[in-house]
Amino acid sequence: MSVKIGVLCAVLGMAIASGAQDAPAKPSDADARARVDAWNLAVKNKNDDEKIAALTAMGDCAHPTVAGTLAKVLVSEKEDIRIQAAKSLGRMTNSADAAKACHGAIKANAASDKVVTAIFEAMGEINHPSSVGVAKDWAEDDLGGRDSQDIPTIRAGVECLGALKWKSAVEAILDVWRKNRVVGRDPASNFREKVRKYCVQALQRQVGERLGNYEEADDWWKKNSKTFNADMTTR
């Protein structure tokens, strides 16, 4: 019996060790400093290719120091560099620091649809729950305006909600959809129909069902929401 237990413990120990090897190691402070130093050198050299390379390398180092540096890049560099910074943040899955860096850069980039879209895409890839309220508020705030240029930012916000795998994101999509039906817009602009399509696509991405009108979607969610966990995995 003791031999069998010994063998079992040995096998279990090997399995645990193997699992520990498979788990990605947390970035060290030294690694983070090295990534930031490479960025600072690229800035000093005024070399855009070096900047892009340094930013790309940062995406593999989900460390608060690196996320903080990327946050500064998002509000200080030219457009293509900012977009790369957003892409690097997007690779930091589940990082609260990366999500916070994105949230803080949206307003500063409001004049650039390309950068705002890249930021929202990064938020969806990071998939931190704190991004749900940010994406919802951004989309809803622009619904009541009358500038046709609001469309790209609303689309980015709604698409982000479709990427964030949280039940709260599904409910946020339905909230945006409901508000879209009553806000003041020029009917001739076909604005509401465009936003409706964004919501349909985002909801389909979340639940796998194409629900074309709000009443149908709201009813479906009320009946089926209990089958999903908070992170949208099925029970």
C-alpha atoms as a PDB file:
ATOM      1  CA  MET A   1       0.000   0.000   0.000  1.00  0.00           C
ATOM      2  CA  SER A   2       2.781   2.415   0.938  1.00  0.00           C
ATOM      3  CA  VAL A   3       4.478   1.700  -2.397  1.00  0.00           C
ATOM      4  CA  LYS A   4       1.276   2.513  -4.287  1.00  0.00           C
ATOM      5  CA  ILE A   5       0.810   5.743  -2.330  1.00  0.00           C
ATOM      6  CA  GLY A   6       4.423   6.654  -2.978  1.00  0.00           C
ATOM      7  CA  VAL A   7       3.986   6.075  -6.716  1.00  0.00           C
ATOM      8  CA  LEU A   8       0.735   8.072  -6.732  1.00  0.00           C
ATOM      9  CA  CYS A   9       2.376  10.978  -4.920  1.00  0.00           C
ATOM     10  CA  ALA A  10       5.270  10.908  -7.346  1.00  0.00           C
ATOM     11  CA  VAL A  11       2.910  11.022 -10.333  1.00  0.00           C
ATOM     12  CA  LEU A  12       0.896  13.827  -8.737  1.00  0.00           C
ATOM     13  CA  GLY A  13       4.062  15.741  -8.020  1.00  0.00           C
ATOM     14  CA  MET A  14       5.139  15.429 -11.642  1.00  0.00           C
ATOM     15  CA  ALA A  15       1.727  16.656 -12.800  1.00  0.00           C
ATOM     16  CA  ILE A  16       1.873  19.675 -10.499  1.00  0.00           C
ATOM     17  CA  ALA A  17       5.402  20.462 -11.616  1.00  0.00           C
ATOM     18  CA  SER A  18       4.357  20.173 -15.248  1.00  0.00           C
ATOM     19  CA  GLY A  19       1.422  22.508 -14.637  1.00  0.00           C
ATOM     20  CA  ALA A  20       3.689  25.004 -12.935  1.00  0.00           C
ATOM     21  CA  GLN A  21       6.009  24.918 -15.954  1.00  0.00           C
ATOM     22  CA  ASP A  22       3.076  25.515 -18.331  1.00  0.00           C
ATOM     23  CA  ALA A  23       1.807  28.530 -16.387  1.00  0.00           C
ATOM     24  CA  PRO A  24       3.323  31.772 -17.702  1.00  0.00           C
ATOM     25  CA  ALA A  25       5.665  33.427 -15.259  1.00  0.00           C
ATOM     26  CA  LYS A  26       4.783  36.909 -14.060  1.00  0.00           C
ATOM     27  CA  PRO A  27       7.047  39.576 -15.551  1.00  0.00           C
ATOM     28  CA  SER A  28       9.789  40.667 -13.198  1.00  0.00           C
ATOM     29  CA  ASP A  29      10.595  44.261 -12.315  1.00  0.00           C
ATOM     30  CA  ALA A  30      13.915  43.861 -14.129  1.00  0.00           C
ATOM     31  CA  ASP A  31      12.159  42.670 -17.297  1.00  0.00           C
ATOM     32  CA  ALA A  32       9.772  45.605 -17.134  1.00  0.00           C
ATOM     33  CA  ARG A  33      12.627  48.070 -16.714  1.00  0.00           C
ATOM     34  CA  ALA A  34      14.413  46.556 -19.717  1.00  0.00           C
ATOM     35  CA  ARG A  35      11.319  47.033 -21.919  1.00  0.00           C
ATOM     36  CA  VAL A  36      10.872  50.607 -20.768  1.00  0.00           C
ATOM     37  CA  ASP A  37      14.580  51.346 -21.241  1.00  0.00           C
ATOM     38  CA  ALA A  38      14.340  50.095 -24.841  1.00  0.00           C
ATOM     39  CA  TRP A  39      11.432  52.475 -25.405  1.00  0.00           C
ATOM     40  CA  ASN A  40      13.279  55.405 -23.871  1.00  0.00           C
ATOM     41  CA  LEU A  41      16.285  54.707 -26.075  1.00  0.00           C
ATOM     42  CA  ALA A  42      14.072  54.651 -29.179  1.00  0.00           C
ATOM     43  CA  VAL A  43      12.584  57.987 -28.139  1.00  0.00           C
ATOM     44  CA  LYS A  44      16.068  59.411 -27.598  1.00  0.00           C
ATOM     45  CA  ASN A  45      17.125  58.184 -31.042  1.00  0.00           C
ATOM     46  CA  LYS A  46      13.948  59.643 -32.606  1.00  0.00           C
ATOM     47  CA  ASN A  47      13.586  56.437 -34.593  1.00  0.00           C
ATOM     48  CA  ASP A  48      10.013  55.323 -35.364  1.00  0.00           C
ATOM     49  CA  ASP A  49      11.030  51.789 -36.341  1.00  0.00           C
ATOM     50  CA  GLU A  50      12.767  51.370 -32.988  1.00  0.00           C
ATOM     51  CA  LYS A  51       9.715  52.801 -31.246  1.00  0.00           C
ATOM     52  CA  ILE A  52       7.409  50.286 -32.923  1.00  0.00           C
ATOM     53  CA  ALA A  53       9.763  47.417 -32.053  1.00  0.00           C
ATOM     54  CA  ALA A  54      10.008  48.527 -28.430  1.00  0.00           C
ATOM     55  CA  LEU A  55       6.239  48.879 -28.122  1.00  0.00           C
ATOM     56  CA  THR A  56       5.686  45.459 -29.684  1.00  0.00           C
ATOM     57  CA  ALA A  57       8.038  43.890 -27.141  1.00  0.00           C
ATOM     58  CA  MET A  58       6.126  45.571 -24.318  1.00  0.00           C
ATOM     59  CA  GLY A  59       3.032  43.557 -25.208  1.00  0.00           C
ATOM     60  CA  ASP A  60       4.699  40.447 -23.798  1.00  0.00           C
ATOM     61  CA  CYS A  61       5.310  42.098 -20.419  1.00  0.00           C
ATOM     62  CA  ALA A  62       2.052  42.634 -18.513  1.00  0.00           C
ATOM     63  CA  HIS A  63       3.643  44.652 -15.735  1.00  0.00           C
ATOM     64  CA  PRO A  64       2.258  47.831 -14.096  1.00  0.00           C
ATOM     65  CA  THR A  65       5.371  49.807 -15.066  1.00  0.00           C
ATOM     66  CA  VAL A  66       5.032  48.817 -18.714  1.00  0.00           C
ATOM     67  CA  ALA A  67       1.288  49.516 -18.761  1.00  0.00           C
ATOM     68  CA  GLY A  68       1.983  52.930 -17.239  1.00  0.00           C
ATOM     69  CA  THR A  69       4.508  53.726 -19.948  1.00  0.00           C
ATOM     70  CA  LEU A  70       2.083  52.643 -22.669  1.00  0.00           C
ATOM     71  CA  ALA A  71      -0.587  54.860 -21.102  1.00  0.00           C
ATOM     72  CA  LYS A  72       1.699  57.863 -21.574  1.00  0.00           C
ATOM     73  CA  VAL A  73       2.467  56.867 -25.167  1.00  0.00           C
ATOM     74  CA  LEU A  74      -1.262  56.728 -25.909  1.00  0.00           C
ATOM     75  CA  VAL A  75      -1.660  60.431 -25.177  1.00  0.00           C
ATOM     76  CA  SER A  76       1.636  61.876 -26.359  1.00  0.00           C
ATOM     77  CA  GLU A  77       2.866  60.269 -29.586  1.00  0.00           C
ATOM     78  CA  LYS A  78       1.675  60.520 -33.176  1.00  0.00           C
ATOM     79  CA  GLU A  79      -1.224  58.416 -34.427  1.00  0.00           C
ATOM     80  CA  ASP A  80       0.535  55.278 -35.701  1.00  0.00           C
ATOM     81  CA  ILE A  81       2.644  55.033 -32.549  1.00  0.00           C
ATOM     82  CA  ARG A  82      -0.444  55.396 -30.358  1.00  0.00           C
ATOM     83  CA  ILE A  83      -2.178  52.639 -32.307  1.00  0.00           C
ATOM     84  CA  GLN A  84       0.767  50.301 -31.724  1.00  0.00           C
ATOM     85  CA  ALA A  85       0.694  51.136 -28.019  1.00  0.00           C
ATOM     86  CA  ALA A  86      -2.981  50.159 -27.927  1.00  0.00           C
ATOM     87  CA  LYS A  87      -2.236  46.875 -29.706  1.00  0.00           C
ATOM     88  CA  SER A  88       0.455  46.069 -27.144  1.00  0.00           C
ATOM     89  CA  LEU A  89      -1.932  46.745 -24.279  1.00  0.00           C
ATOM     90  CA  GLY A  90      -4.436  44.451 -25.970  1.00  0.00           C
ATOM     91  CA  ARG A  91      -2.052  41.531 -25.546  1.00  0.00           C
ATOM     92  CA  MET A  92      -2.100  41.927 -21.752  1.00  0.00           C
ATOM     93  CA  THR A  93      -5.108  39.681 -21.206  1.00  0.00           C
ATOM     94  CA  ASN A  94      -7.028  40.224 -17.947  1.00  0.00           C
ATOM     95  CA  SER A  95      -4.679  43.009 -16.828  1.00  0.00           C
ATOM     96  CA  ALA A  96      -6.416  45.684 -14.760  1.00  0.00           C
ATOM     97  CA  ASP A  97      -3.448  47.998 -15.363  1.00  0.00           C
ATOM     98  CA  ALA A  98      -3.707  47.601 -19.143  1.00  0.00           C
ATOM     99  CA  ALA A  99      -7.456  48.208 -19.057  1.00  0.00           C
ATOM    100  CA  LYS A 100      -6.959  51.330 -16.943  1.00  0.00           C
ATOM    101  CA  ALA A 101      -4.366  52.638 -19.416  1.00  0.00           C
ATOM    102  CA  CYS A 102      -6.906  52.277 -22.223  1.00  0.00           C
ATOM    103  CA  HIS A 103      -9.723  53.918 -20.269  1.00  0.00           C
ATOM    104  CA  GLY A 104      -7.623  56.962 -19.487  1.00  0.00           C
ATOM    105  CA  ALA A 105      -6.645  57.526 -23.116  1.00  0.00           C
ATOM    106  CA  ILE A 106     -10.061  57.577 -24.782  1.00  0.00           C
ATOM    107  CA  LYS A 107     -10.930  61.220 -24.191  1.00  0.00           C
ATOM    108  CA  ALA A 108      -7.488  62.441 -25.237  1.00  0.00           C
ATOM    109  CA  ASN A 109      -7.899  60.623 -28.567  1.00  0.00           C
ATOM    110  CA  ALA A 110     -11.496  61.599 -29.291  1.00  0.00           C
ATOM    111  CA  ALA A 111     -10.447  63.450 -32.444  1.00  0.00           C
ATOM    112  CA  SER A 112      -8.925  60.310 -33.984  1.00  0.00           C
ATOM    113  CA  ASP A 113     -11.375  57.565 -34.918  1.00  0.00           C
ATOM    114  CA  LYS A 114      -8.480  55.227 -35.744  1.00  0.00           C
ATOM    115  CA  VAL A 115      -6.868  55.526 -32.332  1.00  0.00           C
ATOM    116  CA  VAL A 116     -10.175  55.345 -30.447  1.00  0.00           C
ATOM    117  CA  THR A 117     -11.097  52.208 -32.396  1.00  0.00           C
ATOM    118  CA  ALA A 118      -7.702  50.660 -31.595  1.00  0.00           C
ATOM    119  CA  ILE A 119      -8.175  51.455 -27.897  1.00  0.00           C
ATOM    120  CA  PHE A 120     -11.618  49.848 -27.766  1.00  0.00           C
ATOM    121  CA  GLU A 121     -10.325  46.803 -29.643  1.00  0.00           C
ATOM    122  CA  ALA A 122      -7.562  46.508 -27.058  1.00  0.00           C
ATOM    123  CA  MET A 123     -10.090  46.739 -24.236  1.00  0.00           C
ATOM    124  CA  GLY A 124     -12.035  43.862 -25.772  1.00  0.00           C
ATOM    125  CA  GLU A 125      -8.891  41.746 -26.059  1.00  0.00           C
ATOM    126  CA  ILE A 126      -7.792  42.508 -22.498  1.00  0.00           C
ATOM    127  CA  ASN A 127     -11.267  41.431 -21.367  1.00  0.00           C
ATOM    128  CA  HIS A 128     -11.224  43.072 -17.948  1.00  0.00           C
ATOM    129  CA  PRO A 129     -14.709  43.596 -16.422  1.00  0.00           C
ATOM    130  CA  SER A 130     -13.945  47.228 -15.582  1.00  0.00           C
ATOM    131  CA  SER A 131     -14.116  48.011 -19.313  1.00  0.00           C
ATOM    132  CA  VAL A 132     -17.824  47.187 -19.571  1.00  0.00           C
ATOM    133  CA  GLY A 133     -19.040  50.405 -17.964  1.00  0.00           C
ATOM    134  CA  VAL A 134     -16.503  52.501 -19.873  1.00  0.00           C
ATOM    135  CA  ALA A 135     -17.543  51.130 -23.269  1.00  0.00           C
ATOM    136  CA  LYS A 136     -21.229  51.470 -22.436  1.00  0.00           C
ATOM    137  CA  ASP A 137     -20.928  55.061 -21.219  1.00  0.00           C
ATOM    138  CA  TRP A 138     -18.930  56.096 -24.276  1.00  0.00           C
ATOM    139  CA  ALA A 139     -21.472  54.592 -26.685  1.00  0.00           C
ATOM    140  CA  GLU A 140     -24.507  55.978 -24.846  1.00  0.00           C
ATOM    141  CA  ASP A 141     -23.077  59.471 -24.459  1.00  0.00           C
ATOM    142  CA  ASP A 142     -22.669  59.804 -28.223  1.00  0.00           C
ATOM    143  CA  LEU A 143     -26.147  58.468 -29.049  1.00  0.00           C
ATOM    144  CA  GLY A 144     -27.800  61.783 -28.225  1.00  0.00           C
ATOM    145  CA  GLY A 145     -25.595  63.936 -30.438  1.00  0.00           C
ATOM    146  CA  ARG A 146     -26.332  65.051 -33.953  1.00  0.00           C
ATOM    147  CA  ASP A 147     -22.897  64.816 -35.512  1.00  0.00           C
ATOM    148  CA  SER A 148     -22.703  61.965 -38.010  1.00  0.00           C
ATOM    149  CA  GLN A 149     -19.046  61.561 -37.038  1.00  0.00           C
ATOM    150  CA  ASP A 150     -20.205  60.035 -33.745  1.00  0.00           C
ATOM    151  CA  ILE A 151     -20.951  56.794 -35.586  1.00  0.00           C
ATOM    152  CA  PRO A 152     -17.378  55.366 -35.627  1.00  0.00           C
ATOM    153  CA  THR A 153     -16.953  55.886 -31.883  1.00  0.00           C
ATOM    154  CA  ILE A 154     -20.352  54.406 -31.069  1.00  0.00           C
ATOM    155  CA  ARG A 155     -19.557  51.425 -33.251  1.00  0.00           C
ATOM    156  CA  ALA A 156     -16.210  50.947 -31.491  1.00  0.00           C
ATOM    157  CA  GLY A 157     -17.904  51.043 -28.087  1.00  0.00           C
ATOM    158  CA  VAL A 158     -20.621  48.563 -29.022  1.00  0.00           C
ATOM    159  CA  GLU A 159     -18.168  46.209 -30.718  1.00  0.00           C
ATOM    160  CA  CYS A 160     -16.046  46.321 -27.571  1.00  0.00           C
ATOM    161  CA  LEU A 161     -19.085  45.229 -25.555  1.00  0.00           C
ATOM    162  CA  GLY A 162     -19.474  42.323 -27.956  1.00  0.00           C
ATOM    163  CA  ALA A 163     -15.882  41.261 -27.294  1.00  0.00           C
ATOM    164  CA  LEU A 164     -15.959  41.571 -23.495  1.00  0.00           C
ATOM    165  CA  LYS A 165     -16.966  38.142 -22.250  1.00  0.00           C
ATOM    166  CA  TRP A 166     -19.074  39.184 -19.266  1.00  0.00           C
ATOM    167  CA  LYS A 167     -22.800  38.967 -18.604  1.00  0.00           C
ATOM    168  CA  SER A 168     -22.737  42.638 -17.687  1.00  0.00           C
ATOM    169  CA  ALA A 169     -21.545  43.362 -21.244  1.00  0.00           C
ATOM    170  CA  VAL A 170     -24.610  41.625 -22.714  1.00  0.00           C
ATOM    171  CA  GLU A 171     -26.852  43.716 -20.480  1.00  0.00           C
ATOM    172  CA  ALA A 172     -24.929  46.828 -21.538  1.00  0.00           C
ATOM    173  CA  ILE A 173     -25.540  46.025 -25.221  1.00  0.00           C
ATOM    174  CA  LEU A 174     -29.257  45.772 -24.520  1.00  0.00           C
ATOM    175  CA  ASP A 175     -29.170  49.075 -22.608  1.00  0.00           C
ATOM    176  CA  VAL A 176     -27.487  50.862 -25.536  1.00  0.00           C
ATOM    177  CA  TRP A 177     -29.963  49.286 -27.939  1.00  0.00           C
ATOM    178  CA  ARG A 178     -32.923  50.401 -25.832  1.00  0.00           C
ATOM    179  CA  LYS A 179     -31.643  53.963 -25.556  1.00  0.00           C
ATOM    180  CA  ASN A 180     -30.935  54.075 -29.283  1.00  0.00           C
ATOM    181  CA  ARG A 181     -34.638  53.623 -29.985  1.00  0.00           C
ATOM    182  CA  VAL A 182     -35.655  56.834 -28.214  1.00  0.00           C
ATOM    183  CA  VAL A 183     -32.829  59.358 -28.581  1.00  0.00           C
ATOM    184  CA  GLY A 184     -33.295  62.357 -30.849  1.00  0.00           C
ATOM    185  CA  ARG A 185     -31.740  61.897 -34.276  1.00  0.00           C
ATOM    186  CA  ASP A 186     -32.604  62.915 -37.799  1.00  0.00           C
ATOM    187  CA  PRO A 187     -34.585  59.909 -39.169  1.00  0.00           C
ATOM    188  CA  ALA A 188     -33.242  60.611 -42.652  1.00  0.00           C
ATOM    189  CA  SER A 189     -29.705  59.841 -41.485  1.00  0.00           C
ATOM    190  CA  ASN A 190     -30.629  56.184 -40.831  1.00  0.00           C
ATOM    191  CA  PHE A 191     -28.647  56.541 -37.621  1.00  0.00           C
ATOM    192  CA  ARG A 192     -30.784  54.313 -35.432  1.00  0.00           C
ATOM    193  CA  GLU A 193     -30.720  51.502 -37.968  1.00  0.00           C
ATOM    194  CA  LYS A 194     -26.926  51.587 -38.112  1.00  0.00           C
ATOM    195  CA  VAL A 195     -26.639  51.390 -34.323  1.00  0.00           C
ATOM    196  CA  ARG A 196     -29.257  48.620 -34.223  1.00  0.00           C
ATOM    197  CA  LYS A 197     -27.084  46.560 -36.566  1.00  0.00           C
ATOM    198  CA  TYR A 198     -24.045  47.130 -34.335  1.00  0.00           C
ATOM    199  CA  CYS A 199     -26.037  45.869 -31.358  1.00  0.00           C
ATOM    200  CA  VAL A 200     -27.353  42.828 -33.246  1.00  0.00           C
ATOM    201  CA  GLN A 201     -23.830  41.856 -34.277  1.00  0.00           C
ATOM    202  CA  ALA A 202     -22.381  42.425 -30.796  1.00  0.00           C
ATOM    203  CA  LEU A 203     -25.126  40.354 -29.155  1.00  0.00           C
ATOM    204  CA  GLN A 204     -24.683  37.557 -31.681  1.00  0.00           C
ATOM    205  CA  ARG A 205     -20.982  37.476 -30.872  1.00  0.00           C
ATOM    206  CA  GLN A 206     -21.834  37.054 -27.191  1.00  0.00           C
ATOM    207  CA  VAL A 207     -24.653  34.500 -27.260  1.00  0.00           C
ATOM    208  CA  GLY A 208     -24.477  32.927 -30.730  1.00  0.00           C
ATOM    209  CA  GLU A 209     -28.031  33.956 -31.635  1.00  0.00           C
ATOM    210  CA  ARG A 210     -29.003  36.511 -34.281  1.00  0.00           C
ATOM    211  CA  LEU A 211     -31.829  38.481 -32.682  1.00  0.00           C
ATOM    212  CA  GLY A 212     -32.972  41.203 -35.053  1.00  0.00           C
ATOM    213  CA  ASN A 213     -35.192  43.414 -32.907  1.00  0.00           C
ATOM    214  CA  TYR A 214     -34.911  44.689 -29.366  1.00  0.00           C
ATOM    215  CA  GLU A 215     -38.034  43.018 -27.951  1.00  0.00           C
ATOM    216  CA  GLU A 216     -36.919  39.636 -29.279  1.00  0.00           C
ATOM    217  CA  ALA A 217     -33.402  40.095 -27.912  1.00  0.00           C
ATOM    218  CA  ASP A 218     -34.550  41.311 -24.498  1.00  0.00           C
ATOM    219  CA  ASP A 219     -37.015  38.423 -24.167  1.00  0.00           C
ATOM    220  CA  TRP A 220     -34.383  35.880 -25.209  1.00  0.00           C
ATOM    221  CA  TRP A 221     -31.910  37.186 -22.641  1.00  0.00           C
ATOM    222  CA  LYS A 222     -34.488  37.142 -19.837  1.00  0.00           C
ATOM    223  CA  LYS A 223     -35.207  33.491 -20.603  1.00  0.00           C
ATOM    224  CA  ASN A 224     -31.619  32.348 -21.118  1.00  0.00           C
ATOM    225  CA  SER A 225     -29.361  34.546 -18.983  1.00  0.00           C
ATOM    226  CA  LYS A 226     -29.430  32.009 -16.155  1.00  0.00           C
ATOM    227  CA  THR A 227     -27.636  29.494 -18.371  1.00  0.00           C
ATOM    228  CA  PHE A 228     -24.493  31.679 -18.384  1.00  0.00           C
ATOM    229  CA  ASN A 229     -21.936  32.316 -15.677  1.00  0.00           C
ATOM    230  CA  ALA A 230     -20.616  35.813 -15.022  1.00  0.00           C
ATOM    231  CA  ASP A 231     -17.811  35.253 -17.546  1.00  0.00           C
ATOM    232  CA  MET A 232     -20.268  34.008 -20.226  1.00  0.00           C
ATOM    233  CA  THR A 233     -19.226  30.388 -19.922  1.00  0.00           C
ATOM    234  CA  THR A 234     -22.249  28.088 -19.945  1.00  0.00           C
ATOM    235  CA  ARG A 235     -23.406  26.410 -16.758  1.00  0.00           C
END
